[in-house]
């Protein structure tokens, strides 16, 4: 029987949905406001503390570490970083 952890085979669409759900749940933002191109600071008014909170939750969920120097301004930035990290793990 196959394991259900399967992060390495997560599709971009599924990964985007997971990241959107994390942000939605942590910050009480409706999913319809969280498109890949949504700017967390400009469009949603998130400050540094909000972004750090999301980073910590994404790290916990995907079991990875996001370095401080990684620019994370949009939903897609989180998705791209996680996707790249999971691809490296699978290789």
PDB file of N, CA and C in Angstrom:
ATOM      1  N   UNK A   1       0.844  -1.187   0.000  1.00  0.00           N
ATOM      2  CA  UNK A   1       0.000   0.000   0.000  1.00  0.00           C
ATOM      3  C   UNK A   1       0.884   1.244   0.000  1.00  0.00           C
ATOM      4  N   UNK A   2       0.573   2.216  -0.834  1.00  0.00           N
ATOM      5  CA  UNK A   2       1.386   3.429  -0.967  1.00  0.00           C
ATOM      6  C   UNK A   2       1.127   4.377   0.196  1.00  0.00           C
ATOM      7  N   UNK A   3       2.149   5.096   0.555  1.00  0.00           N
ATOM      8  CA  UNK A   3       2.040   6.100   1.615  1.00  0.00           C
ATOM      9  C   UNK A   3       1.244   7.294   1.118  1.00  0.00           C
ATOM     10  N   UNK A   4       0.495   7.935   1.973  1.00  0.00           N
ATOM     11  CA  UNK A   4      -0.310   9.087   1.552  1.00  0.00           C
ATOM     12  C   UNK A   4       0.401  10.420   1.772  1.00  0.00           C
ATOM     13  N   UNK A   5       1.665  10.384   2.184  1.00  0.00           N
ATOM     14  CA  UNK A   5       2.373  11.649   2.395  1.00  0.00           C
ATOM     15  C   UNK A   5       2.637  12.348   1.088  1.00  0.00           C
ATOM     16  N   UNK A   6       3.125  11.672   0.070  1.00  0.00           N
ATOM     17  CA  UNK A   6       3.260  12.081  -1.310  1.00  0.00           C
ATOM     18  C   UNK A   6       3.504  13.535  -1.645  1.00  0.00           C
ATOM     19  N   UNK A   7       4.206  14.309  -0.805  1.00  0.00           N
ATOM     20  CA  UNK A   7       4.471  15.715  -1.143  1.00  0.00           C
ATOM     21  C   UNK A   7       5.287  15.853  -2.419  1.00  0.00           C
ATOM     22  N   UNK A   8       6.188  14.910  -2.711  1.00  0.00           N
ATOM     23  CA  UNK A   8       7.087  15.051  -3.857  1.00  0.00           C
ATOM     24  C   UNK A   8       6.341  14.998  -5.174  1.00  0.00           C
ATOM     25  N   UNK A   9       5.166  14.402  -5.195  1.00  0.00           N
ATOM     26  CA  UNK A   9       4.409  14.287  -6.430  1.00  0.00           C
ATOM     27  C   UNK A   9       3.237  15.260  -6.479  1.00  0.00           C
ATOM     28  N   UNK A  10       3.244  16.250  -5.618  1.00  0.00           N
ATOM     29  CA  UNK A  10       2.164  17.211  -5.552  1.00  0.00           C
ATOM     30  C   UNK A  10       2.149  18.084  -6.800  1.00  0.00           C
ATOM     31  N   UNK A  11       1.001  18.169  -7.455  1.00  0.00           N
ATOM     32  CA  UNK A  11       0.895  18.998  -8.648  1.00  0.00           C
ATOM     33  C   UNK A  11       0.917  20.478  -8.264  1.00  0.00           C
ATOM     34  N   UNK A  12       1.244  21.307  -9.246  1.00  0.00           N
ATOM     35  CA  UNK A  12       1.284  22.751  -8.997  1.00  0.00           C
ATOM     36  C   UNK A  12      -0.083  23.260  -8.540  1.00  0.00           C
ATOM     37  N   UNK A  13      -1.146  22.754  -9.142  1.00  0.00           N
ATOM     38  CA  UNK A  13      -2.493  23.201  -8.770  1.00  0.00           C
ATOM     39  C   UNK A  13      -2.831  22.801  -7.332  1.00  0.00           C
ATOM     40  N   UNK A  14      -2.494  21.568  -6.975  1.00  0.00           N
ATOM     41  CA  UNK A  14      -2.772  21.106  -5.617  1.00  0.00           C
ATOM     42  C   UNK A  14      -1.921  21.865  -4.605  1.00  0.00           C
ATOM     43  N   UNK A  15      -0.676  22.123  -4.963  1.00  0.00           N
ATOM     44  CA  UNK A  15       0.224  22.875  -4.090  1.00  0.00           C
ATOM     45  C   UNK A  15      -0.295  24.300  -3.888  1.00  0.00           C
ATOM     46  N   UNK A  16      -0.743  24.914  -4.968  1.00  0.00           N
ATOM     47  CA  UNK A  16      -1.311  26.262  -4.875  1.00  0.00           C
ATOM     48  C   UNK A  16      -2.511  26.260  -3.937  1.00  0.00           C
ATOM     49  N   UNK A  17      -3.366  25.254  -4.049  1.00  0.00           N
ATOM     50  CA  UNK A  17      -4.535  25.157  -3.173  1.00  0.00           C
ATOM     51  C   UNK A  17      -4.118  25.005  -1.710  1.00  0.00           C
ATOM     52  N   UNK A  18      -3.095  24.187  -1.448  1.00  0.00           N
ATOM     53  CA  UNK A  18      -2.632  23.989  -0.074  1.00  0.00           C
ATOM     54  C   UNK A  18      -2.103  25.297   0.514  1.00  0.00           C
ATOM     55  N   UNK A  19      -1.301  26.013  -0.261  1.00  0.00           N
ATOM     56  CA  UNK A  19      -0.747  27.290   0.213  1.00  0.00           C
ATOM     57  C   UNK A  19      -1.872  28.297   0.435  1.00  0.00           C
ATOM     58  N   UNK A  20      -2.815  28.360  -0.484  1.00  0.00           N
ATOM     59  CA  UNK A  20      -3.952  29.283  -0.335  1.00  0.00           C
ATOM     60  C   UNK A  20      -4.744  28.961   0.934  1.00  0.00           C
ATOM     61  N   UNK A  21      -4.959  27.663   1.198  1.00  0.00           N
ATOM     62  CA  UNK A  21      -5.703  27.268   2.402  1.00  0.00           C
ATOM     63  C   UNK A  21      -4.962  27.658   3.674  1.00  0.00           C
ATOM     64  N   UNK A  22      -3.644  27.469   3.671  1.00  0.00           N
ATOM     65  CA  UNK A  22      -2.841  27.845   4.843  1.00  0.00           C
ATOM     66  C   UNK A  22      -2.996  29.337   5.125  1.00  0.00           C
ATOM     67  N   UNK A  23      -2.837  30.162   4.097  1.00  0.00           N
ATOM     68  CA  UNK A  23      -2.958  31.615   4.275  1.00  0.00           C
ATOM     69  C   UNK A  23      -4.375  31.972   4.703  1.00  0.00           C
ATOM     70  N   UNK A  24      -5.358  31.362   4.069  1.00  0.00           N
ATOM     71  CA  UNK A  24      -6.760  31.635   4.395  1.00  0.00           C
ATOM     72  C   UNK A  24      -7.055  31.317   5.861  1.00  0.00           C
ATOM     73  N   UNK A  25      -6.615  30.152   6.306  1.00  0.00           N
ATOM     74  CA  UNK A  25      -6.881  29.732   7.681  1.00  0.00           C
ATOM     75  C   UNK A  25      -6.113  30.566   8.699  1.00  0.00           C
ATOM     76  N   UNK A  26      -4.849  30.886   8.409  1.00  0.00           N
ATOM     77  CA  UNK A  26      -4.038  31.644   9.361  1.00  0.00           C
ATOM     78  C   UNK A  26      -4.501  33.089   9.489  1.00  0.00           C
ATOM     79  N   UNK A  27      -4.970  33.665   8.382  1.00  0.00           N
ATOM     80  CA  UNK A  27      -5.248  35.096   8.373  1.00  0.00           C
ATOM     81  C   UNK A  27      -6.721  35.444   8.156  1.00  0.00           C
ATOM     82  N   UNK A  28      -7.587  34.445   8.048  1.00  0.00           N
ATOM     83  CA  UNK A  28      -9.005  34.704   7.894  1.00  0.00           C
ATOM     84  C   UNK A  28      -9.360  35.433   6.601  1.00  0.00           C
ATOM     85  N   UNK A  29      -8.642  35.114   5.537  1.00  0.00           N
ATOM     86  CA  UNK A  29      -8.885  35.721   4.228  1.00  0.00           C
ATOM     87  C   UNK A  29      -9.603  34.695   3.366  1.00  0.00           C
ATOM     88  N   UNK A  30     -10.687  35.102   2.700  1.00  0.00           N
ATOM     89  CA  UNK A  30     -11.415  34.190   1.831  1.00  0.00           C
ATOM     90  C   UNK A  30     -10.544  33.710   0.677  1.00  0.00           C
ATOM     91  N   UNK A  31     -10.727  32.447   0.295  1.00  0.00           N
ATOM     92  CA  UNK A  31      -9.924  31.877  -0.788  1.00  0.00           C
ATOM     93  C   UNK A  31     -10.057  32.669  -2.086  1.00  0.00           C
ATOM     94  N   UNK A  32     -11.205  33.272  -2.330  1.00  0.00           N
ATOM     95  CA  UNK A  32     -11.376  34.027  -3.582  1.00  0.00           C
ATOM     96  C   UNK A  32     -10.458  35.246  -3.651  1.00  0.00           C
ATOM     97  N   UNK A  33      -9.949  35.698  -2.500  1.00  0.00           N
ATOM     98  CA  UNK A  33      -9.015  36.829  -2.462  1.00  0.00           C
ATOM     99  C   UNK A  33      -7.560  36.384  -2.589  1.00  0.00           C
ATOM    100  N   UNK A  34      -7.334  35.075  -2.639  1.00  0.00           N
ATOM    101  CA  UNK A  34      -5.971  34.547  -2.632  1.00  0.00           C
ATOM    102  C   UNK A  34      -5.640  33.846  -3.948  1.00  0.00           C
ATOM    103  N   UNK A  35      -5.420  34.627  -4.967  1.00  0.00           N
ATOM    104  CA  UNK A  35      -4.989  34.097  -6.255  1.00  0.00           C
ATOM    105  C   UNK A  35      -3.463  34.061  -6.272  1.00  0.00           C
ATOM    106  N   UNK A  36      -2.859  33.271  -7.177  1.00  0.00           N
ATOM    107  CA  UNK A  36      -1.396  33.208  -7.215  1.00  0.00           C
ATOM    108  C   UNK A  36      -0.723  34.583  -7.319  1.00  0.00           C
ATOM    109  N   UNK A  37      -1.341  35.514  -8.039  1.00  0.00           N
ATOM    110  CA  UNK A  37      -0.728  36.834  -8.234  1.00  0.00           C
ATOM    111  C   UNK A  37      -1.041  37.831  -7.120  1.00  0.00           C
ATOM    112  N   UNK A  38      -1.812  37.416  -6.124  1.00  0.00           N
ATOM    113  CA  UNK A  38      -2.195  38.320  -5.038  1.00  0.00           C
ATOM    114  C   UNK A  38      -0.966  38.752  -4.236  1.00  0.00           C
ATOM    115  N   UNK A  39      -0.786  40.071  -4.129  1.00  0.00           N
ATOM    116  CA  UNK A  39       0.307  40.636  -3.336  1.00  0.00           C
ATOM    117  C   UNK A  39      -0.134  40.697  -1.879  1.00  0.00           C
ATOM    118  N   UNK A  40       0.635  40.029  -1.012  1.00  0.00           N
ATOM    119  CA  UNK A  40       0.250  39.958   0.394  1.00  0.00           C
ATOM    120  C   UNK A  40       0.283  41.322   1.073  1.00  0.00           C
ATOM    121  N   UNK A  41       1.276  42.142   0.749  1.00  0.00           N
ATOM    122  CA  UNK A  41       1.361  43.444   1.411  1.00  0.00           C
ATOM    123  C   UNK A  41       0.490  44.494   0.721  1.00  0.00           C
ATOM    124  N   UNK A  42       0.609  44.630  -0.590  1.00  0.00           N
ATOM    125  CA  UNK A  42      -0.141  45.687  -1.288  1.00  0.00           C
ATOM    126  C   UNK A  42      -1.647  45.439  -1.322  1.00  0.00           C
ATOM    127  N   UNK A  43      -2.047  44.217  -1.673  1.00  0.00           N
ATOM    128  CA  UNK A  43      -3.472  43.938  -1.840  1.00  0.00           C
ATOM    129  C   UNK A  43      -4.180  43.540  -0.545  1.00  0.00           C
ATOM    130  N   UNK A  44      -3.468  42.866   0.338  1.00  0.00           N
ATOM    131  CA  UNK A  44      -4.099  42.371   1.564  1.00  0.00           C
ATOM    132  C   UNK A  44      -3.687  43.146   2.810  1.00  0.00           C
ATOM    133  N   UNK A  45      -2.679  44.004   2.675  1.00  0.00           N
ATOM    134  CA  UNK A  45      -2.256  44.817   3.813  1.00  0.00           C
ATOM    135  C   UNK A  45      -1.487  44.051   4.873  1.00  0.00           C
ATOM    136  N   UNK A  46      -0.899  42.909   4.512  1.00  0.00           N
ATOM    137  CA  UNK A  46      -0.135  42.133   5.479  1.00  0.00           C
ATOM    138  C   UNK A  46       1.155  42.857   5.827  1.00  0.00           C
ATOM    139  N   UNK A  47       1.520  42.817   7.101  1.00  0.00           N
ATOM    140  CA  UNK A  47       2.805  43.378   7.522  1.00  0.00           C
ATOM    141  C   UNK A  47       3.809  42.235   7.692  1.00  0.00           C
ATOM    142  N   UNK A  48       4.997  42.567   8.126  1.00  0.00           N
ATOM    143  CA  UNK A  48       6.068  41.572   8.260  1.00  0.00           C
ATOM    144  C   UNK A  48       5.668  40.442   9.206  1.00  0.00           C
ATOM    145  N   UNK A  49       4.991  40.766  10.284  1.00  0.00           N
ATOM    146  CA  UNK A  49       4.568  39.748  11.258  1.00  0.00           C
ATOM    147  C   UNK A  49       3.596  38.767  10.605  1.00  0.00           C
ATOM    148  N   UNK A  50       2.668  39.283   9.795  1.00  0.00           N
ATOM    149  CA  UNK A  50       1.717  38.412   9.091  1.00  0.00           C
ATOM    150  C   UNK A  50       2.456  37.447   8.165  1.00  0.00           C
ATOM    151  N   UNK A  51       3.418  37.964   7.415  1.00  0.00           N
ATOM    152  CA  UNK A  51       4.166  37.135   6.466  1.00  0.00           C
ATOM    153  C   UNK A  51       4.993  36.089   7.219  1.00  0.00           C
ATOM    154  N   UNK A  52       5.619  36.481   8.306  1.00  0.00           N
ATOM    155  CA  UNK A  52       6.395  35.526   9.107  1.00  0.00           C
ATOM    156  C   UNK A  52       5.482  34.430   9.646  1.00  0.00           C
ATOM    157  N   UNK A  53       4.296  34.779  10.080  1.00  0.00           N
ATOM    158  CA  UNK A  53       3.333  33.809  10.573  1.00  0.00           C
ATOM    159  C   UNK A  53       3.002  32.783   9.481  1.00  0.00           C
ATOM    160  N   UNK A  54       2.805  33.265   8.261  1.00  0.00           N
ATOM    161  CA  UNK A  54       2.514  32.380   7.128  1.00  0.00           C
ATOM    162  C   UNK A  54       3.730  31.508   6.822  1.00  0.00           C
ATOM    163  N   UNK A  55       4.920  32.093   6.829  1.00  0.00           N
ATOM    164  CA  UNK A  55       6.147  31.338   6.575  1.00  0.00           C
ATOM    165  C   UNK A  55       6.263  30.185   7.573  1.00  0.00           C
ATOM    166  N   UNK A  56       6.050  30.469   8.842  1.00  0.00           N
ATOM    167  CA  UNK A  56       6.166  29.431   9.872  1.00  0.00           C
ATOM    168  C   UNK A  56       5.170  28.301   9.639  1.00  0.00           C
ATOM    169  N   UNK A  57       3.964  28.654   9.253  1.00  0.00           N
ATOM    170  CA  UNK A  57       2.945  27.636   9.005  1.00  0.00           C
ATOM    171  C   UNK A  57       3.264  26.823   7.749  1.00  0.00           C
ATOM    172  N   UNK A  58       3.761  27.468   6.698  1.00  0.00           N
ATOM    173  CA  UNK A  58       4.150  26.762   5.477  1.00  0.00           C
ATOM    174  C   UNK A  58       5.325  25.824   5.779  1.00  0.00           C
ATOM    175  N   UNK A  59       6.290  26.313   6.554  1.00  0.00           N
ATOM    176  CA  UNK A  59       7.427  25.468   6.940  1.00  0.00           C
ATOM    177  C   UNK A  59       6.960  24.233   7.706  1.00  0.00           C
ATOM    178  N   UNK A  60       6.054  24.439   8.633  1.00  0.00           N
ATOM    179  CA  UNK A  60       5.547  23.338   9.456  1.00  0.00           C
ATOM    180  C   UNK A  60       4.764  22.338   8.583  1.00  0.00           C
ATOM    181  N   UNK A  61       3.925  22.853   7.716  1.00  0.00           N
ATOM    182  CA  UNK A  61       3.073  22.008   6.884  1.00  0.00           C
ATOM    183  C   UNK A  61       3.884  21.153   5.908  1.00  0.00           C
ATOM    184  N   UNK A  62       4.866  21.774   5.263  1.00  0.00           N
ATOM    185  CA  UNK A  62       5.645  21.076   4.239  1.00  0.00           C
ATOM    186  C   UNK A  62       6.980  20.526   4.755  1.00  0.00           C
ATOM    187  N   UNK A  63       7.246  20.708   6.049  1.00  0.00           N
ATOM    188  CA  UNK A  63       8.460  20.218   6.686  1.00  0.00           C
ATOM    189  C   UNK A  63       9.709  20.693   5.944  1.00  0.00           C
ATOM    190  N   UNK A  64       9.833  22.010   5.831  1.00  0.00           N
ATOM    191  CA  UNK A  64      10.988  22.627   5.185  1.00  0.00           C
ATOM    192  C   UNK A  64      11.343  23.908   5.909  1.00  0.00           C
ATOM    193  N   UNK A  65      12.478  24.476   5.537  1.00  0.00           N
ATOM    194  CA  UNK A  65      12.921  25.744   6.113  1.00  0.00           C
ATOM    195  C   UNK A  65      13.060  26.749   4.985  1.00  0.00           C
ATOM    196  N   UNK A  66      12.457  27.914   5.153  1.00  0.00           N
ATOM    197  CA  UNK A  66      12.545  28.976   4.158  1.00  0.00           C
ATOM    198  C   UNK A  66      13.538  30.010   4.679  1.00  0.00           C
ATOM    199  N   UNK A  67      14.667  30.203   3.979  1.00  0.00           N
ATOM    200  CA  UNK A  67      15.655  31.195   4.420  1.00  0.00           C
ATOM    201  C   UNK A  67      15.080  32.607   4.426  1.00  0.00           C
ATOM    202  N   UNK A  68      15.602  33.437   5.317  1.00  0.00           N
ATOM    203  CA  UNK A  68      15.118  34.816   5.455  1.00  0.00           C
ATOM    204  C   UNK A  68      15.240  35.622   4.167  1.00  0.00           C
ATOM    205  N   UNK A  69      16.250  35.311   3.346  1.00  0.00           N
ATOM    206  CA  UNK A  69      16.497  36.126   2.152  1.00  0.00           C
ATOM    207  C   UNK A  69      15.582  35.788   0.971  1.00  0.00           C
ATOM    208  N   UNK A  70      14.743  34.763   1.106  1.00  0.00           N
ATOM    209  CA  UNK A  70      13.826  34.412   0.016  1.00  0.00           C
ATOM    210  C   UNK A  70      12.718  35.467  -0.050  1.00  0.00           C
ATOM    211  N   UNK A  71      12.551  36.119  -1.214  1.00  0.00           N
ATOM    212  CA  UNK A  71      11.505  37.131  -1.329  1.00  0.00           C
ATOM    213  C   UNK A  71      10.120  36.478  -1.454  1.00  0.00           C
ATOM    214  N   UNK A  72       9.260  36.748  -0.492  1.00  0.00           N
ATOM    215  CA  UNK A  72       7.918  36.177  -0.479  1.00  0.00           C
ATOM    216  C   UNK A  72       6.901  37.317  -0.394  1.00  0.00           C
ATOM    217  N   UNK A  73       6.431  37.748  -1.558  1.00  0.00           N
ATOM    218  CA  UNK A  73       5.504  38.875  -1.607  1.00  0.00           C
ATOM    219  C   UNK A  73       4.131  38.484  -2.122  1.00  0.00           C
ATOM    220  N   UNK A  74       4.069  37.403  -2.887  1.00  0.00           N
ATOM    221  CA  UNK A  74       2.814  36.954  -3.495  1.00  0.00           C
ATOM    222  C   UNK A  74       2.551  35.509  -3.111  1.00  0.00           C
ATOM    223  N   UNK A  75       1.311  35.098  -3.276  1.00  0.00           N
ATOM    224  CA  UNK A  75       0.952  33.703  -3.040  1.00  0.00           C
ATOM    225  C   UNK A  75       1.840  32.803  -3.894  1.00  0.00           C
ATOM    226  N   UNK A  76       2.056  33.186  -5.148  1.00  0.00           N
ATOM    227  CA  UNK A  76       2.865  32.368  -6.061  1.00  0.00           C
ATOM    228  C   UNK A  76       4.319  32.237  -5.602  1.00  0.00           C
ATOM    229  N   UNK A  77       4.837  33.219  -4.871  1.00  0.00           N
ATOM    230  CA  UNK A  77       6.209  33.125  -4.357  1.00  0.00           C
ATOM    231  C   UNK A  77       6.336  31.939  -3.399  1.00  0.00           C
ATOM    232  N   UNK A  78       5.333  31.775  -2.532  1.00  0.00           N
ATOM    233  CA  UNK A  78       5.332  30.640  -1.605  1.00  0.00           C
ATOM    234  C   UNK A  78       5.240  29.333  -2.378  1.00  0.00           C
ATOM    235  N   UNK A  79       4.330  29.288  -3.353  1.00  0.00           N
ATOM    236  CA  UNK A  79       4.124  28.077  -4.146  1.00  0.00           C
ATOM    237  C   UNK A  79       5.410  27.694  -4.879  1.00  0.00           C
ATOM    238  N   UNK A  80       6.053  28.662  -5.522  1.00  0.00           N
ATOM    239  CA  UNK A  80       7.286  28.394  -6.282  1.00  0.00           C
ATOM    240  C   UNK A  80       8.400  27.878  -5.369  1.00  0.00           C
ATOM    241  N   UNK A  81       8.546  28.490  -4.201  1.00  0.00           N
ATOM    242  CA  UNK A  81       9.603  28.045  -3.288  1.00  0.00           C
ATOM    243  C   UNK A  81       9.336  26.609  -2.825  1.00  0.00           C
ATOM    244  N   UNK A  82       8.118  26.339  -2.394  1.00  0.00           N
ATOM    245  CA  UNK A  82       7.787  24.996  -1.904  1.00  0.00           C
ATOM    246  C   UNK A  82       7.953  23.975  -3.027  1.00  0.00           C
ATOM    247  N   UNK A  83       7.475  24.309  -4.210  1.00  0.00           N
ATOM    248  CA  UNK A  83       7.582  23.390  -5.337  1.00  0.00           C
ATOM    249  C   UNK A  83       9.047  23.067  -5.673  1.00  0.00           C
ATOM    250  N   UNK A  84       9.888  24.087  -5.686  1.00  0.00           N
ATOM    251  CA  UNK A  84      11.311  23.876  -5.962  1.00  0.00           C
ATOM    252  C   UNK A  84      11.951  23.012  -4.875  1.00  0.00           C
ATOM    253  N   UNK A  85      11.601  23.289  -3.633  1.00  0.00           N
ATOM    254  CA  UNK A  85      12.171  22.527  -2.516  1.00  0.00           C
ATOM    255  C   UNK A  85      11.733  21.054  -2.577  1.00  0.00           C
ATOM    256  N   UNK A  86      10.461  20.830  -2.856  1.00  0.00           N
ATOM    257  CA  UNK A  86       9.963  19.461  -2.933  1.00  0.00           C
ATOM    258  C   UNK A  86      10.558  18.710  -4.121  1.00  0.00           C
ATOM    259  N   UNK A  87      10.804  19.415  -5.211  1.00  0.00           N
ATOM    260  CA  UNK A  87      11.440  18.812  -6.390  1.00  0.00           C
ATOM    261  C   UNK A  87      12.867  18.382  -6.062  1.00  0.00           C
ATOM    262  N   UNK A  88      13.592  19.211  -5.304  1.00  0.00           N
ATOM    263  CA  UNK A  88      14.953  18.866  -4.891  1.00  0.00           C
ATOM    264  C   UNK A  88      14.960  17.640  -4.004  1.00  0.00           C
ATOM    265  N   UNK A  89      13.989  17.547  -3.117  1.00  0.00           N
ATOM    266  CA  UNK A  89      13.899  16.397  -2.212  1.00  0.00           C
ATOM    267  C   UNK A  89      13.631  15.112  -2.992  1.00  0.00           C
ATOM    268  N   UNK A  90      12.821  15.206  -4.039  1.00  0.00           N
ATOM    269  CA  UNK A  90      12.444  14.039  -4.821  1.00  0.00           C
ATOM    270  C   UNK A  90      13.594  13.548  -5.697  1.00  0.00           C
ATOM    271  N   UNK A  91      14.507  14.456  -6.044  1.00  0.00           N
ATOM    272  CA  UNK A  91      15.611  14.103  -6.962  1.00  0.00           C
ATOM    273  C   UNK A  91      16.666  13.246  -6.287  1.00  0.00           C
TER     274      UNK A  91
END
